[in-house]
Amino acid sequence: MTIEVRNVMGRVAIAVHQDAPFSEIVATMRKYAVGAVTVIDRDRRPVGVVSQDDLLLKEIEPGNAFPAAFLTRTRRLDRRKAAGVRAGELMTAPAVTVTPGTPVRDAARLMHDRHVKQLPVIDPVTGRIAGTVHQADLLRVFERPEAELRDDIVSVVRDEIGLDPAPLEIGVADGVVTIAGEAERPSQISALLYAVRHVDGVVAVVSRLTCPPWQEEAVRLPLL
């Protein structure tokens, strides 16, 4: 079973409107103890994000008199944000979003790649904000019950790899999966370990799998 954002997301949409003043943005961040807020338009569609870093440019770039022509693009953008007083002027755009049906794995990768700790969740039909998902929310995949995790692993072994899971010994403890038994081919072992490692909530996989001796010998012999 693929764990999706809908299974872990917060139902509170932490957002401010484009015309929200600086003080409202700060108050919203403090109220919800977050490092960023989504900026929405009048139809509640995300258009950008304001982070604490954006707000602190007020301290870093206050009235910088250095000629703009000599500044890098990033510094010019920082100066523009530092001069802003409302969310639409302070935000970074466009907003990076996910939907409730986005796999948790994809949301985690997106946060890592974009260096953000939370993402607005939008309705896939209307585009309106429906909630917020934080890095801490994604960590809930590692709290899955061991029986549920084992059921998913059994399904992977049977449906994706084509092995009968009955003869295999599959143990799960603290997210670590141990698999013992015999596979028909070495390639099945590699495929199985890869697939199990990608089950949501698995921390590591310990293999005690073997294959028939003649198959192991075939792997060592050079191909002619």
N, C-alpha and C. Protein backbone atom coordinates (compact mmCIF):
# COMPACT_ATOMS: atom_id res chain seq x y z
N MET A 1 0.85 -1.20 0.00
CA MET A 1 0.00 0.00 0.00
C MET A 1 0.88 1.25 0.00
N THR A 2 0.66 2.12 -0.97
CA THR A 2 1.41 3.36 -1.02
C THR A 2 0.81 4.37 -0.07
N ILE A 3 1.61 4.91 0.82
CA ILE A 3 1.13 5.93 1.75
C ILE A 3 1.14 7.27 1.04
N GLU A 4 0.00 7.94 1.08
CA GLU A 4 -0.15 9.21 0.38
C GLU A 4 -0.20 10.37 1.35
N VAL A 5 -0.03 11.56 0.83
CA VAL A 5 -0.05 12.78 1.65
C VAL A 5 -1.35 12.87 2.45
N ARG A 6 -2.46 12.43 1.86
CA ARG A 6 -3.75 12.51 2.56
C ARG A 6 -3.73 11.73 3.88
N ASN A 7 -2.87 10.71 3.98
CA ASN A 7 -2.81 9.88 5.17
C ASN A 7 -2.05 10.52 6.32
N VAL A 8 -1.28 11.58 6.03
CA VAL A 8 -0.43 12.16 7.08
C VAL A 8 -0.57 13.67 7.22
N MET A 9 -1.21 14.33 6.27
CA MET A 9 -1.24 15.80 6.22
C MET A 9 -2.06 16.40 7.35
N GLY A 10 -1.75 17.66 7.64
CA GLY A 10 -2.55 18.43 8.57
C GLY A 10 -3.72 19.06 7.83
N ARG A 11 -4.87 19.09 8.44
CA ARG A 11 -6.07 19.61 7.78
C ARG A 11 -6.18 21.13 7.90
N VAL A 12 -5.28 21.73 8.65
CA VAL A 12 -5.29 23.19 8.77
C VAL A 12 -4.45 23.78 7.64
N ALA A 13 -5.06 24.65 6.85
CA ALA A 13 -4.34 25.32 5.77
C ALA A 13 -3.68 26.58 6.33
N ILE A 14 -2.39 26.51 6.54
CA ILE A 14 -1.67 27.64 7.12
C ILE A 14 -1.32 28.60 5.99
N ALA A 15 -2.12 29.66 5.87
CA ALA A 15 -1.98 30.56 4.72
C ALA A 15 -2.41 31.97 5.08
N VAL A 16 -1.94 32.92 4.29
CA VAL A 16 -2.35 34.32 4.38
C VAL A 16 -2.67 34.79 2.97
N HIS A 17 -3.47 35.84 2.86
CA HIS A 17 -3.80 36.40 1.56
C HIS A 17 -2.66 37.30 1.06
N GLN A 18 -2.67 37.57 -0.23
CA GLN A 18 -1.60 38.35 -0.83
C GLN A 18 -1.44 39.73 -0.21
N ASP A 19 -2.54 40.30 0.26
CA ASP A 19 -2.47 41.64 0.83
C ASP A 19 -2.26 41.65 2.34
N ALA A 20 -1.95 40.47 2.92
CA ALA A 20 -1.71 40.40 4.37
C ALA A 20 -0.49 41.24 4.74
N PRO A 21 -0.58 42.06 5.78
CA PRO A 21 0.57 42.88 6.19
C PRO A 21 1.64 42.06 6.90
N PHE A 22 2.81 42.63 6.99
CA PHE A 22 3.97 41.99 7.60
C PHE A 22 3.63 41.43 8.98
N SER A 23 2.96 42.23 9.79
CA SER A 23 2.65 41.82 11.17
C SER A 23 1.74 40.60 11.22
N GLU A 24 0.82 40.50 10.27
CA GLU A 24 -0.09 39.33 10.24
C GLU A 24 0.68 38.06 9.88
N ILE A 25 1.64 38.21 8.98
CA ILE A 25 2.45 37.05 8.58
C ILE A 25 3.24 36.54 9.78
N VAL A 26 3.87 37.46 10.51
CA VAL A 26 4.64 37.07 11.69
C VAL A 26 3.73 36.41 12.72
N ALA A 27 2.56 36.99 12.94
CA ALA A 27 1.62 36.44 13.93
C ALA A 27 1.16 35.04 13.54
N THR A 28 0.93 34.81 12.25
CA THR A 28 0.50 33.49 11.78
C THR A 28 1.59 32.45 11.99
N MET A 29 2.83 32.83 11.68
CA MET A 29 3.94 31.90 11.90
C MET A 29 4.08 31.53 13.37
N ARG A 30 3.96 32.53 14.23
CA ARG A 30 4.11 32.27 15.66
C ARG A 30 2.93 31.45 16.20
N LYS A 31 1.74 31.73 15.71
CA LYS A 31 0.55 31.02 16.19
C LYS A 31 0.64 29.52 15.91
N TYR A 32 1.11 29.17 14.69
CA TYR A 32 1.16 27.77 14.30
C TYR A 32 2.55 27.15 14.42
N ALA A 33 3.50 27.95 14.94
CA ALA A 33 4.88 27.47 15.14
C ALA A 33 5.46 26.88 13.86
N VAL A 34 5.37 27.64 12.77
CA VAL A 34 5.89 27.20 11.48
C VAL A 34 6.92 28.20 10.97
N GLY A 35 7.74 27.74 10.03
CA GLY A 35 8.78 28.59 9.48
C GLY A 35 8.41 29.23 8.17
N ALA A 36 7.19 28.96 7.68
CA ALA A 36 6.74 29.54 6.42
C ALA A 36 5.22 29.47 6.35
N VAL A 37 4.64 30.35 5.55
CA VAL A 37 3.20 30.33 5.32
C VAL A 37 2.94 30.45 3.82
N THR A 38 1.88 29.81 3.39
CA THR A 38 1.48 29.87 1.99
C THR A 38 0.73 31.17 1.74
N VAL A 39 0.99 31.78 0.60
CA VAL A 39 0.27 32.99 0.19
C VAL A 39 -0.78 32.57 -0.84
N ILE A 40 -2.03 32.96 -0.60
CA ILE A 40 -3.13 32.56 -1.49
C ILE A 40 -3.79 33.78 -2.11
N ASP A 41 -4.43 33.55 -3.28
CA ASP A 41 -5.18 34.62 -3.92
C ASP A 41 -6.61 34.63 -3.41
N ARG A 42 -7.47 35.41 -4.04
CA ARG A 42 -8.85 35.54 -3.56
C ARG A 42 -9.64 34.25 -3.71
N ASP A 43 -9.19 33.37 -4.60
CA ASP A 43 -9.87 32.08 -4.79
C ASP A 43 -9.24 30.97 -3.96
N ARG A 44 -8.38 31.34 -3.01
CA ARG A 44 -7.70 30.40 -2.11
C ARG A 44 -6.74 29.47 -2.85
N ARG A 45 -6.19 29.93 -3.95
CA ARG A 45 -5.19 29.17 -4.69
C ARG A 45 -3.80 29.67 -4.32
N PRO A 46 -2.88 28.77 -3.98
CA PRO A 46 -1.52 29.19 -3.60
C PRO A 46 -0.81 29.88 -4.76
N VAL A 47 -0.19 31.01 -4.45
CA VAL A 47 0.58 31.75 -5.46
C VAL A 47 2.04 31.93 -5.06
N GLY A 48 2.36 31.62 -3.81
CA GLY A 48 3.73 31.76 -3.34
C GLY A 48 3.85 31.35 -1.88
N VAL A 49 5.04 31.54 -1.35
CA VAL A 49 5.31 31.19 0.06
C VAL A 49 6.20 32.27 0.67
N VAL A 50 5.89 32.63 1.89
CA VAL A 50 6.75 33.54 2.65
C VAL A 50 7.39 32.76 3.79
N SER A 51 8.70 32.80 3.87
CA SER A 51 9.43 32.07 4.91
C SER A 51 9.99 33.06 5.93
N GLN A 52 10.46 32.52 7.03
CA GLN A 52 11.12 33.36 8.03
C GLN A 52 12.34 34.04 7.42
N ASP A 53 13.04 33.35 6.55
CA ASP A 53 14.20 33.95 5.88
C ASP A 53 13.79 35.19 5.09
N ASP A 54 12.64 35.10 4.42
CA ASP A 54 12.15 36.26 3.66
C ASP A 54 11.90 37.45 4.59
N LEU A 55 11.30 37.18 5.74
CA LEU A 55 10.99 38.27 6.67
C LEU A 55 12.25 38.87 7.28
N LEU A 56 13.23 38.03 7.55
CA LEU A 56 14.46 38.51 8.19
C LEU A 56 15.33 39.35 7.26
N LEU A 57 14.96 39.39 5.98
CA LEU A 57 15.68 40.29 5.07
C LEU A 57 15.51 41.74 5.49
N LYS A 58 14.46 42.01 6.26
CA LYS A 58 14.27 43.36 6.80
C LYS A 58 15.45 43.77 7.67
N GLU A 59 16.06 42.79 8.34
CA GLU A 59 17.21 43.06 9.18
C GLU A 59 18.52 43.00 8.39
N ILE A 60 18.55 42.13 7.38
CA ILE A 60 19.79 41.92 6.62
C ILE A 60 20.01 42.99 5.56
N GLU A 61 18.92 43.43 4.91
CA GLU A 61 19.01 44.36 3.79
C GLU A 61 18.24 45.65 4.05
N PRO A 62 18.38 46.29 5.20
CA PRO A 62 17.59 47.49 5.47
C PRO A 62 18.15 48.72 4.73
N GLY A 63 17.45 49.14 3.70
CA GLY A 63 17.85 50.35 2.99
C GLY A 63 19.23 50.28 2.38
N ASN A 64 19.61 49.14 1.84
CA ASN A 64 20.92 48.98 1.21
C ASN A 64 21.05 49.98 0.06
N ALA A 65 22.07 50.81 0.11
CA ALA A 65 22.23 51.88 -0.87
C ALA A 65 23.15 51.50 -2.02
N PHE A 66 23.68 50.28 -2.01
CA PHE A 66 24.58 49.85 -3.08
C PHE A 66 23.81 49.82 -4.40
N PRO A 67 24.33 50.40 -5.49
CA PRO A 67 23.60 50.46 -6.77
C PRO A 67 23.11 49.09 -7.22
N ALA A 68 21.83 49.02 -7.60
CA ALA A 68 21.23 47.76 -7.99
C ALA A 68 21.92 47.14 -9.21
N ALA A 69 22.46 47.97 -10.08
CA ALA A 69 23.09 47.48 -11.30
C ALA A 69 24.29 46.60 -11.00
N PHE A 70 24.89 46.75 -9.83
CA PHE A 70 26.09 45.99 -9.47
C PHE A 70 25.77 44.77 -8.60
N LEU A 71 24.48 44.55 -8.35
CA LEU A 71 24.08 43.43 -7.51
C LEU A 71 23.77 42.20 -8.36
N THR A 72 23.95 41.02 -7.77
CA THR A 72 23.55 39.79 -8.45
C THR A 72 22.02 39.71 -8.48
N ARG A 73 21.50 38.81 -9.30
CA ARG A 73 20.05 38.66 -9.39
C ARG A 73 19.46 38.29 -8.03
N THR A 74 20.15 37.43 -7.30
CA THR A 74 19.67 37.02 -5.98
C THR A 74 19.63 38.19 -5.02
N ARG A 75 20.69 39.03 -5.04
CA ARG A 75 20.71 40.18 -4.14
C ARG A 75 19.65 41.21 -4.52
N ARG A 76 19.38 41.36 -5.81
CA ARG A 76 18.33 42.29 -6.21
C ARG A 76 16.97 41.79 -5.74
N LEU A 77 16.77 40.46 -5.82
CA LEU A 77 15.51 39.89 -5.34
C LEU A 77 15.38 40.07 -3.84
N ASP A 78 16.48 39.87 -3.12
CA ASP A 78 16.46 40.06 -1.66
C ASP A 78 16.13 41.50 -1.31
N ARG A 79 16.69 42.43 -2.06
CA ARG A 79 16.42 43.85 -1.79
C ARG A 79 14.95 44.16 -2.01
N ARG A 80 14.39 43.59 -3.09
CA ARG A 80 12.98 43.84 -3.37
C ARG A 80 12.11 43.31 -2.24
N LYS A 81 12.43 42.10 -1.76
CA LYS A 81 11.66 41.52 -0.66
C LYS A 81 11.82 42.36 0.61
N ALA A 82 13.03 42.82 0.85
CA ALA A 82 13.29 43.61 2.06
C ALA A 82 12.49 44.90 2.08
N ALA A 83 12.14 45.39 0.89
CA ALA A 83 11.36 46.63 0.81
C ALA A 83 9.87 46.36 0.90
N GLY A 84 9.47 45.10 0.82
CA GLY A 84 8.06 44.76 0.83
C GLY A 84 7.42 44.89 2.20
N VAL A 85 6.10 45.09 2.19
CA VAL A 85 5.36 45.20 3.45
C VAL A 85 4.16 44.26 3.49
N ARG A 86 3.84 43.66 2.35
CA ARG A 86 2.71 42.74 2.28
C ARG A 86 3.15 41.40 1.69
N ALA A 87 2.33 40.39 1.93
CA ALA A 87 2.71 39.02 1.55
C ALA A 87 3.06 38.90 0.07
N GLY A 88 2.27 39.54 -0.79
CA GLY A 88 2.52 39.45 -2.22
C GLY A 88 3.86 40.03 -2.62
N GLU A 89 4.41 40.93 -1.82
CA GLU A 89 5.69 41.56 -2.12
C GLU A 89 6.85 40.78 -1.49
N LEU A 90 6.55 40.03 -0.45
CA LEU A 90 7.58 39.32 0.30
C LEU A 90 7.76 37.87 -0.15
N MET A 91 6.78 37.34 -0.84
CA MET A 91 6.75 35.90 -1.11
C MET A 91 7.76 35.48 -2.19
N THR A 92 8.07 34.18 -2.14
CA THR A 92 8.81 33.51 -3.20
C THR A 92 7.78 32.78 -4.06
N ALA A 93 7.82 33.00 -5.35
CA ALA A 93 6.83 32.42 -6.25
C ALA A 93 7.51 31.67 -7.39
N PRO A 94 6.81 30.65 -7.94
CA PRO A 94 5.48 30.17 -7.57
C PRO A 94 5.55 29.25 -6.37
N ALA A 95 4.39 28.93 -5.82
CA ALA A 95 4.33 28.01 -4.70
C ALA A 95 4.56 26.59 -5.18
N VAL A 96 5.34 25.83 -4.42
CA VAL A 96 5.55 24.40 -4.70
C VAL A 96 4.47 23.64 -3.95
N THR A 97 3.65 22.88 -4.64
CA THR A 97 2.50 22.24 -4.01
C THR A 97 2.47 20.74 -4.26
N VAL A 98 1.64 20.07 -3.47
CA VAL A 98 1.32 18.65 -3.67
C VAL A 98 -0.18 18.50 -3.54
N THR A 99 -0.68 17.34 -3.91
CA THR A 99 -2.10 17.04 -3.75
C THR A 99 -2.26 15.95 -2.69
N PRO A 100 -3.47 15.72 -2.20
CA PRO A 100 -3.66 14.64 -1.22
C PRO A 100 -3.21 13.28 -1.74
N GLY A 101 -3.26 13.09 -3.05
CA GLY A 101 -2.89 11.80 -3.63
C GLY A 101 -1.41 11.66 -3.94
N THR A 102 -0.61 12.66 -3.65
CA THR A 102 0.83 12.55 -3.88
C THR A 102 1.43 11.54 -2.92
N PRO A 103 2.21 10.57 -3.41
CA PRO A 103 2.88 9.63 -2.50
C PRO A 103 3.80 10.37 -1.53
N VAL A 104 3.83 9.89 -0.29
CA VAL A 104 4.69 10.50 0.72
C VAL A 104 6.14 10.53 0.26
N ARG A 105 6.56 9.47 -0.42
CA ARG A 105 7.94 9.40 -0.91
C ARG A 105 8.24 10.57 -1.85
N ASP A 106 7.29 10.90 -2.73
CA ASP A 106 7.49 12.00 -3.67
C ASP A 106 7.50 13.34 -2.95
N ALA A 107 6.63 13.49 -1.95
CA ALA A 107 6.59 14.74 -1.18
C ALA A 107 7.90 14.93 -0.43
N ALA A 108 8.44 13.85 0.14
CA ALA A 108 9.71 13.93 0.86
C ALA A 108 10.84 14.33 -0.09
N ARG A 109 10.84 13.74 -1.28
CA ARG A 109 11.87 14.08 -2.27
C ARG A 109 11.76 15.55 -2.69
N LEU A 110 10.53 16.03 -2.85
CA LEU A 110 10.30 17.42 -3.25
C LEU A 110 10.80 18.38 -2.17
N MET A 111 10.51 18.07 -0.91
CA MET A 111 10.99 18.91 0.18
C MET A 111 12.52 18.95 0.21
N HIS A 112 13.12 17.79 0.03
CA HIS A 112 14.58 17.71 0.06
C HIS A 112 15.19 18.51 -1.10
N ASP A 113 14.65 18.32 -2.29
CA ASP A 113 15.21 18.99 -3.47
C ASP A 113 15.02 20.50 -3.42
N ARG A 114 13.88 20.94 -2.88
CA ARG A 114 13.59 22.38 -2.85
C ARG A 114 14.02 23.05 -1.55
N HIS A 115 14.58 22.26 -0.62
CA HIS A 115 15.06 22.79 0.66
C HIS A 115 13.94 23.51 1.43
N VAL A 116 12.77 22.86 1.49
CA VAL A 116 11.65 23.39 2.26
C VAL A 116 11.20 22.35 3.28
N LYS A 117 10.55 22.80 4.33
CA LYS A 117 10.14 21.91 5.40
C LYS A 117 8.63 21.67 5.44
N GLN A 118 7.90 22.32 4.55
CA GLN A 118 6.46 22.12 4.49
C GLN A 118 5.97 22.46 3.09
N LEU A 119 4.81 21.91 2.74
CA LEU A 119 4.24 22.13 1.42
C LEU A 119 2.74 22.35 1.55
N PRO A 120 2.19 23.30 0.80
CA PRO A 120 0.74 23.42 0.75
C PRO A 120 0.14 22.26 -0.03
N VAL A 121 -0.97 21.77 0.45
CA VAL A 121 -1.68 20.68 -0.22
C VAL A 121 -2.90 21.28 -0.91
N ILE A 122 -3.03 21.02 -2.20
CA ILE A 122 -4.13 21.63 -2.95
C ILE A 122 -5.12 20.58 -3.45
N ASP A 123 -6.35 21.00 -3.62
CA ASP A 123 -7.36 20.16 -4.23
C ASP A 123 -7.01 20.00 -5.71
N PRO A 124 -6.90 18.76 -6.21
CA PRO A 124 -6.46 18.58 -7.60
C PRO A 124 -7.45 19.10 -8.63
N VAL A 125 -8.70 19.33 -8.24
CA VAL A 125 -9.72 19.81 -9.18
C VAL A 125 -9.78 21.34 -9.18
N THR A 126 -9.90 21.93 -8.00
CA THR A 126 -10.07 23.39 -7.91
C THR A 126 -8.76 24.14 -7.80
N GLY A 127 -7.70 23.46 -7.35
CA GLY A 127 -6.43 24.14 -7.14
C GLY A 127 -6.38 24.93 -5.85
N ARG A 128 -7.44 24.86 -5.06
CA ARG A 128 -7.50 25.61 -3.80
C ARG A 128 -6.75 24.87 -2.69
N ILE A 129 -6.24 25.62 -1.75
CA ILE A 129 -5.48 25.02 -0.66
C ILE A 129 -6.41 24.19 0.23
N ALA A 130 -5.94 22.99 0.57
CA ALA A 130 -6.76 22.06 1.35
C ALA A 130 -6.10 21.68 2.67
N GLY A 131 -4.86 22.06 2.85
CA GLY A 131 -4.14 21.71 4.07
C GLY A 131 -2.65 21.98 3.89
N THR A 132 -1.89 21.52 4.86
CA THR A 132 -0.44 21.70 4.83
C THR A 132 0.22 20.41 5.30
N VAL A 133 1.30 20.01 4.65
CA VAL A 133 2.04 18.84 5.10
C VAL A 133 3.46 19.27 5.46
N HIS A 134 3.91 18.81 6.63
CA HIS A 134 5.22 19.17 7.15
C HIS A 134 6.14 17.96 7.13
N GLN A 135 7.44 18.21 7.23
CA GLN A 135 8.39 17.10 7.30
C GLN A 135 8.03 16.17 8.45
N ALA A 136 7.65 16.73 9.58
CA ALA A 136 7.29 15.91 10.74
C ALA A 136 6.10 15.01 10.44
N ASP A 137 5.18 15.48 9.60
CA ASP A 137 4.03 14.65 9.20
C ASP A 137 4.50 13.43 8.40
N LEU A 138 5.47 13.65 7.51
CA LEU A 138 5.95 12.56 6.66
C LEU A 138 6.63 11.47 7.49
N LEU A 139 7.18 11.84 8.63
CA LEU A 139 7.85 10.85 9.48
C LEU A 139 6.87 9.83 10.05
N ARG A 140 5.58 10.10 9.93
CA ARG A 140 4.58 9.16 10.46
C ARG A 140 4.59 7.83 9.72
N VAL A 141 5.18 7.78 8.52
CA VAL A 141 5.24 6.50 7.81
C VAL A 141 6.08 5.49 8.59
N PHE A 142 6.99 6.00 9.44
CA PHE A 142 7.84 5.10 10.21
C PHE A 142 7.18 4.65 11.51
N GLU A 143 5.92 5.02 11.70
CA GLU A 143 5.16 4.60 12.88
C GLU A 143 4.09 3.58 12.51
N ARG A 144 4.17 3.04 11.30
CA ARG A 144 3.17 2.06 10.88
C ARG A 144 3.24 0.80 11.74
N PRO A 145 2.10 0.20 12.06
CA PRO A 145 2.11 -1.05 12.83
C PRO A 145 2.89 -2.13 12.10
N GLU A 146 3.61 -2.94 12.84
CA GLU A 146 4.45 -3.97 12.22
C GLU A 146 3.63 -4.96 11.41
N ALA A 147 2.42 -5.29 11.86
CA ALA A 147 1.58 -6.23 11.13
C ALA A 147 1.18 -5.65 9.77
N GLU A 148 0.89 -4.36 9.74
CA GLU A 148 0.51 -3.69 8.49
C GLU A 148 1.69 -3.66 7.53
N LEU A 149 2.86 -3.38 8.08
CA LEU A 149 4.08 -3.34 7.27
C LEU A 149 4.37 -4.72 6.68
N ARG A 150 4.22 -5.73 7.49
CA ARG A 150 4.48 -7.10 7.03
C ARG A 150 3.50 -7.50 5.93
N ASP A 151 2.24 -7.11 6.06
CA ASP A 151 1.25 -7.43 5.02
C ASP A 151 1.66 -6.81 3.69
N ASP A 152 2.17 -5.58 3.73
CA ASP A 152 2.62 -4.92 2.50
C ASP A 152 3.80 -5.66 1.89
N ILE A 153 4.70 -6.13 2.73
CA ILE A 153 5.88 -6.84 2.25
C ILE A 153 5.48 -8.16 1.61
N VAL A 154 4.55 -8.86 2.23
CA VAL A 154 4.05 -10.12 1.67
C VAL A 154 3.45 -9.87 0.28
N SER A 155 2.70 -8.79 0.14
CA SER A 155 2.10 -8.45 -1.15
C SER A 155 3.17 -8.18 -2.20
N VAL A 156 4.24 -7.50 -1.80
CA VAL A 156 5.34 -7.20 -2.72
C VAL A 156 6.00 -8.49 -3.19
N VAL A 157 6.27 -9.38 -2.23
CA VAL A 157 6.92 -10.66 -2.57
C VAL A 157 6.07 -11.45 -3.55
N ARG A 158 4.78 -11.49 -3.31
CA ARG A 158 3.88 -12.30 -4.13
C ARG A 158 3.56 -11.64 -5.48
N ASP A 159 3.18 -10.35 -5.43
CA ASP A 159 2.64 -9.70 -6.63
C ASP A 159 3.70 -9.07 -7.51
N GLU A 160 4.76 -8.53 -6.92
CA GLU A 160 5.78 -7.85 -7.71
C GLU A 160 6.94 -8.77 -8.10
N ILE A 161 7.33 -9.65 -7.19
CA ILE A 161 8.49 -10.51 -7.45
C ILE A 161 8.07 -11.88 -7.98
N GLY A 162 6.86 -12.30 -7.66
CA GLY A 162 6.38 -13.59 -8.15
C GLY A 162 6.85 -14.77 -7.34
N LEU A 163 7.18 -14.54 -6.09
CA LEU A 163 7.60 -15.62 -5.19
C LEU A 163 6.46 -15.98 -4.26
N ASP A 164 6.42 -17.23 -3.86
CA ASP A 164 5.46 -17.66 -2.85
C ASP A 164 5.99 -17.22 -1.49
N PRO A 165 5.29 -16.33 -0.79
CA PRO A 165 5.81 -15.84 0.49
C PRO A 165 5.70 -16.86 1.63
N ALA A 166 4.89 -17.90 1.44
CA ALA A 166 4.65 -18.85 2.53
C ALA A 166 5.93 -19.50 3.06
N PRO A 167 6.85 -19.97 2.21
CA PRO A 167 8.05 -20.62 2.74
C PRO A 167 9.08 -19.64 3.33
N LEU A 168 8.89 -18.36 3.08
CA LEU A 168 9.86 -17.37 3.55
C LEU A 168 9.57 -16.98 4.99
N GLU A 169 10.63 -16.66 5.71
CA GLU A 169 10.50 -16.12 7.06
C GLU A 169 10.68 -14.61 6.96
N ILE A 170 9.61 -13.88 7.25
CA ILE A 170 9.63 -12.42 7.14
C ILE A 170 9.39 -11.83 8.53
N GLY A 171 10.39 -11.17 9.05
CA GLY A 171 10.27 -10.56 10.36
C GLY A 171 10.39 -9.05 10.27
N VAL A 172 9.65 -8.35 11.12
CA VAL A 172 9.70 -6.89 11.15
C VAL A 172 9.86 -6.45 12.59
N ALA A 173 10.90 -5.66 12.85
CA ALA A 173 11.12 -5.13 14.20
C ALA A 173 11.74 -3.74 14.09
N ASP A 174 11.04 -2.75 14.64
CA ASP A 174 11.52 -1.36 14.61
C ASP A 174 11.79 -0.88 13.20
N GLY A 175 10.98 -1.34 12.25
CA GLY A 175 11.13 -0.91 10.87
C GLY A 175 12.17 -1.67 10.08
N VAL A 176 12.93 -2.54 10.74
CA VAL A 176 13.95 -3.34 10.07
C VAL A 176 13.34 -4.68 9.67
N VAL A 177 13.44 -5.00 8.39
CA VAL A 177 12.84 -6.22 7.85
C VAL A 177 13.92 -7.28 7.66
N THR A 178 13.68 -8.47 8.17
CA THR A 178 14.59 -9.61 7.96
C THR A 178 13.86 -10.66 7.14
N ILE A 179 14.49 -11.07 6.04
CA ILE A 179 13.88 -12.07 5.16
C ILE A 179 14.82 -13.25 5.02
N ALA A 180 14.34 -14.44 5.33
CA ALA A 180 15.13 -15.66 5.19
C ALA A 180 14.36 -16.67 4.35
N GLY A 181 15.10 -17.49 3.61
CA GLY A 181 14.48 -18.49 2.77
C GLY A 181 15.25 -18.67 1.48
N GLU A 182 14.61 -19.30 0.51
CA GLU A 182 15.27 -19.62 -0.75
C GLU A 182 14.51 -19.04 -1.93
N ALA A 183 15.27 -18.45 -2.84
CA ALA A 183 14.70 -17.94 -4.10
C ALA A 183 15.18 -18.83 -5.23
N GLU A 184 14.50 -18.78 -6.36
CA GLU A 184 14.88 -19.61 -7.49
C GLU A 184 16.14 -19.09 -8.18
N ARG A 185 16.28 -17.76 -8.24
CA ARG A 185 17.39 -17.16 -8.97
C ARG A 185 17.98 -16.00 -8.18
N PRO A 186 19.28 -15.72 -8.35
CA PRO A 186 19.90 -14.57 -7.67
C PRO A 186 19.23 -13.26 -8.04
N SER A 187 18.76 -13.14 -9.29
CA SER A 187 18.11 -11.90 -9.71
C SER A 187 16.84 -11.63 -8.91
N GLN A 188 16.16 -12.70 -8.49
CA GLN A 188 14.96 -12.51 -7.67
C GLN A 188 15.32 -11.91 -6.32
N ILE A 189 16.45 -12.33 -5.78
CA ILE A 189 16.87 -11.80 -4.49
C ILE A 189 17.12 -10.31 -4.58
N SER A 190 17.85 -9.89 -5.62
CA SER A 190 18.15 -8.47 -5.79
C SER A 190 16.87 -7.66 -5.97
N ALA A 191 15.97 -8.17 -6.80
CA ALA A 191 14.71 -7.46 -7.05
C ALA A 191 13.86 -7.39 -5.79
N LEU A 192 13.84 -8.48 -5.04
CA LEU A 192 13.04 -8.51 -3.81
C LEU A 192 13.54 -7.51 -2.79
N LEU A 193 14.85 -7.48 -2.58
CA LEU A 193 15.43 -6.57 -1.59
C LEU A 193 15.16 -5.12 -1.97
N TYR A 194 15.28 -4.83 -3.27
CA TYR A 194 15.03 -3.47 -3.75
C TYR A 194 13.58 -3.08 -3.51
N ALA A 195 12.67 -3.97 -3.86
CA ALA A 195 11.24 -3.68 -3.73
C ALA A 195 10.83 -3.51 -2.26
N VAL A 196 11.34 -4.38 -1.40
CA VAL A 196 10.98 -4.30 0.02
C VAL A 196 11.53 -3.02 0.65
N ARG A 197 12.74 -2.65 0.26
CA ARG A 197 13.33 -1.42 0.82
C ARG A 197 12.50 -0.19 0.47
N HIS A 198 11.73 -0.27 -0.63
CA HIS A 198 10.93 0.86 -1.05
C HIS A 198 9.49 0.81 -0.55
N VAL A 199 9.20 -0.11 0.34
CA VAL A 199 7.90 -0.11 1.00
C VAL A 199 7.90 1.01 2.03
N ASP A 200 6.86 1.84 2.03
CA ASP A 200 6.80 2.97 2.96
C ASP A 200 6.89 2.50 4.40
N GLY A 201 7.84 3.04 5.14
CA GLY A 201 8.00 2.72 6.55
C GLY A 201 9.14 1.77 6.84
N VAL A 202 9.72 1.16 5.80
CA VAL A 202 10.85 0.25 6.00
C VAL A 202 12.12 1.06 6.22
N VAL A 203 12.83 0.75 7.30
CA VAL A 203 14.07 1.46 7.65
C VAL A 203 15.29 0.79 7.01
N ALA A 204 15.30 -0.53 7.02
CA ALA A 204 16.41 -1.29 6.46
C ALA A 204 15.94 -2.72 6.20
N VAL A 205 16.71 -3.44 5.35
CA VAL A 205 16.37 -4.83 5.03
C VAL A 205 17.60 -5.71 5.27
N VAL A 206 17.41 -6.76 6.04
CA VAL A 206 18.48 -7.74 6.29
C VAL A 206 18.13 -9.00 5.51
N SER A 207 19.02 -9.40 4.61
CA SER A 207 18.76 -10.56 3.76
C SER A 207 19.46 -11.81 4.28
N ARG A 208 18.68 -12.87 4.43
CA ARG A 208 19.22 -14.20 4.71
C ARG A 208 18.69 -15.15 3.65
N LEU A 209 18.56 -14.60 2.45
CA LEU A 209 18.03 -15.37 1.33
C LEU A 209 19.15 -16.12 0.62
N THR A 210 18.82 -17.28 0.14
CA THR A 210 19.77 -18.07 -0.64
C THR A 210 19.07 -18.54 -1.91
N CYS A 211 19.85 -19.13 -2.83
CA CYS A 211 19.27 -19.76 -4.01
C CYS A 211 19.95 -21.09 -4.22
N PRO A 212 19.42 -21.99 -5.05
CA PRO A 212 20.03 -23.31 -5.25
C PRO A 212 21.50 -23.20 -5.62
N PRO A 213 22.33 -24.15 -5.15
CA PRO A 213 23.78 -24.09 -5.40
C PRO A 213 24.13 -23.98 -6.87
N TRP A 214 23.39 -24.65 -7.74
CA TRP A 214 23.74 -24.59 -9.16
C TRP A 214 23.51 -23.19 -9.72
N GLN A 215 22.56 -22.45 -9.14
CA GLN A 215 22.33 -21.08 -9.59
C GLN A 215 23.46 -20.18 -9.13
N GLU A 216 23.94 -20.38 -7.90
CA GLU A 216 25.04 -19.58 -7.39
C GLU A 216 26.30 -19.81 -8.23
N GLU A 217 26.52 -21.08 -8.62
CA GLU A 217 27.69 -21.40 -9.42
C GLU A 217 27.59 -20.77 -10.81
N ALA A 218 26.37 -20.72 -11.35
CA ALA A 218 26.16 -20.13 -12.67
C ALA A 218 26.51 -18.66 -12.68
N VAL A 219 26.27 -17.98 -11.56
CA VAL A 219 26.58 -16.58 -11.46
C VAL A 219 28.08 -16.35 -11.49
N ARG A 220 28.86 -17.28 -10.91
CA ARG A 220 30.30 -17.10 -10.84
C ARG A 220 31.00 -17.46 -12.15
N LEU A 221 30.37 -18.35 -12.96
CA LEU A 221 31.01 -18.75 -14.21
C LEU A 221 30.96 -17.63 -15.24
N PRO A 222 32.04 -17.42 -16.01
CA PRO A 222 32.02 -16.37 -17.03
C PRO A 222 31.12 -16.75 -18.18
N LEU A 223 30.49 -15.74 -18.77
CA LEU A 223 29.64 -16.00 -19.92
C LEU A 223 30.50 -16.09 -21.17
N LEU A 224 30.28 -17.13 -21.97
CA LEU A 224 31.09 -17.34 -23.17
C LEU A 224 30.36 -16.80 -24.40
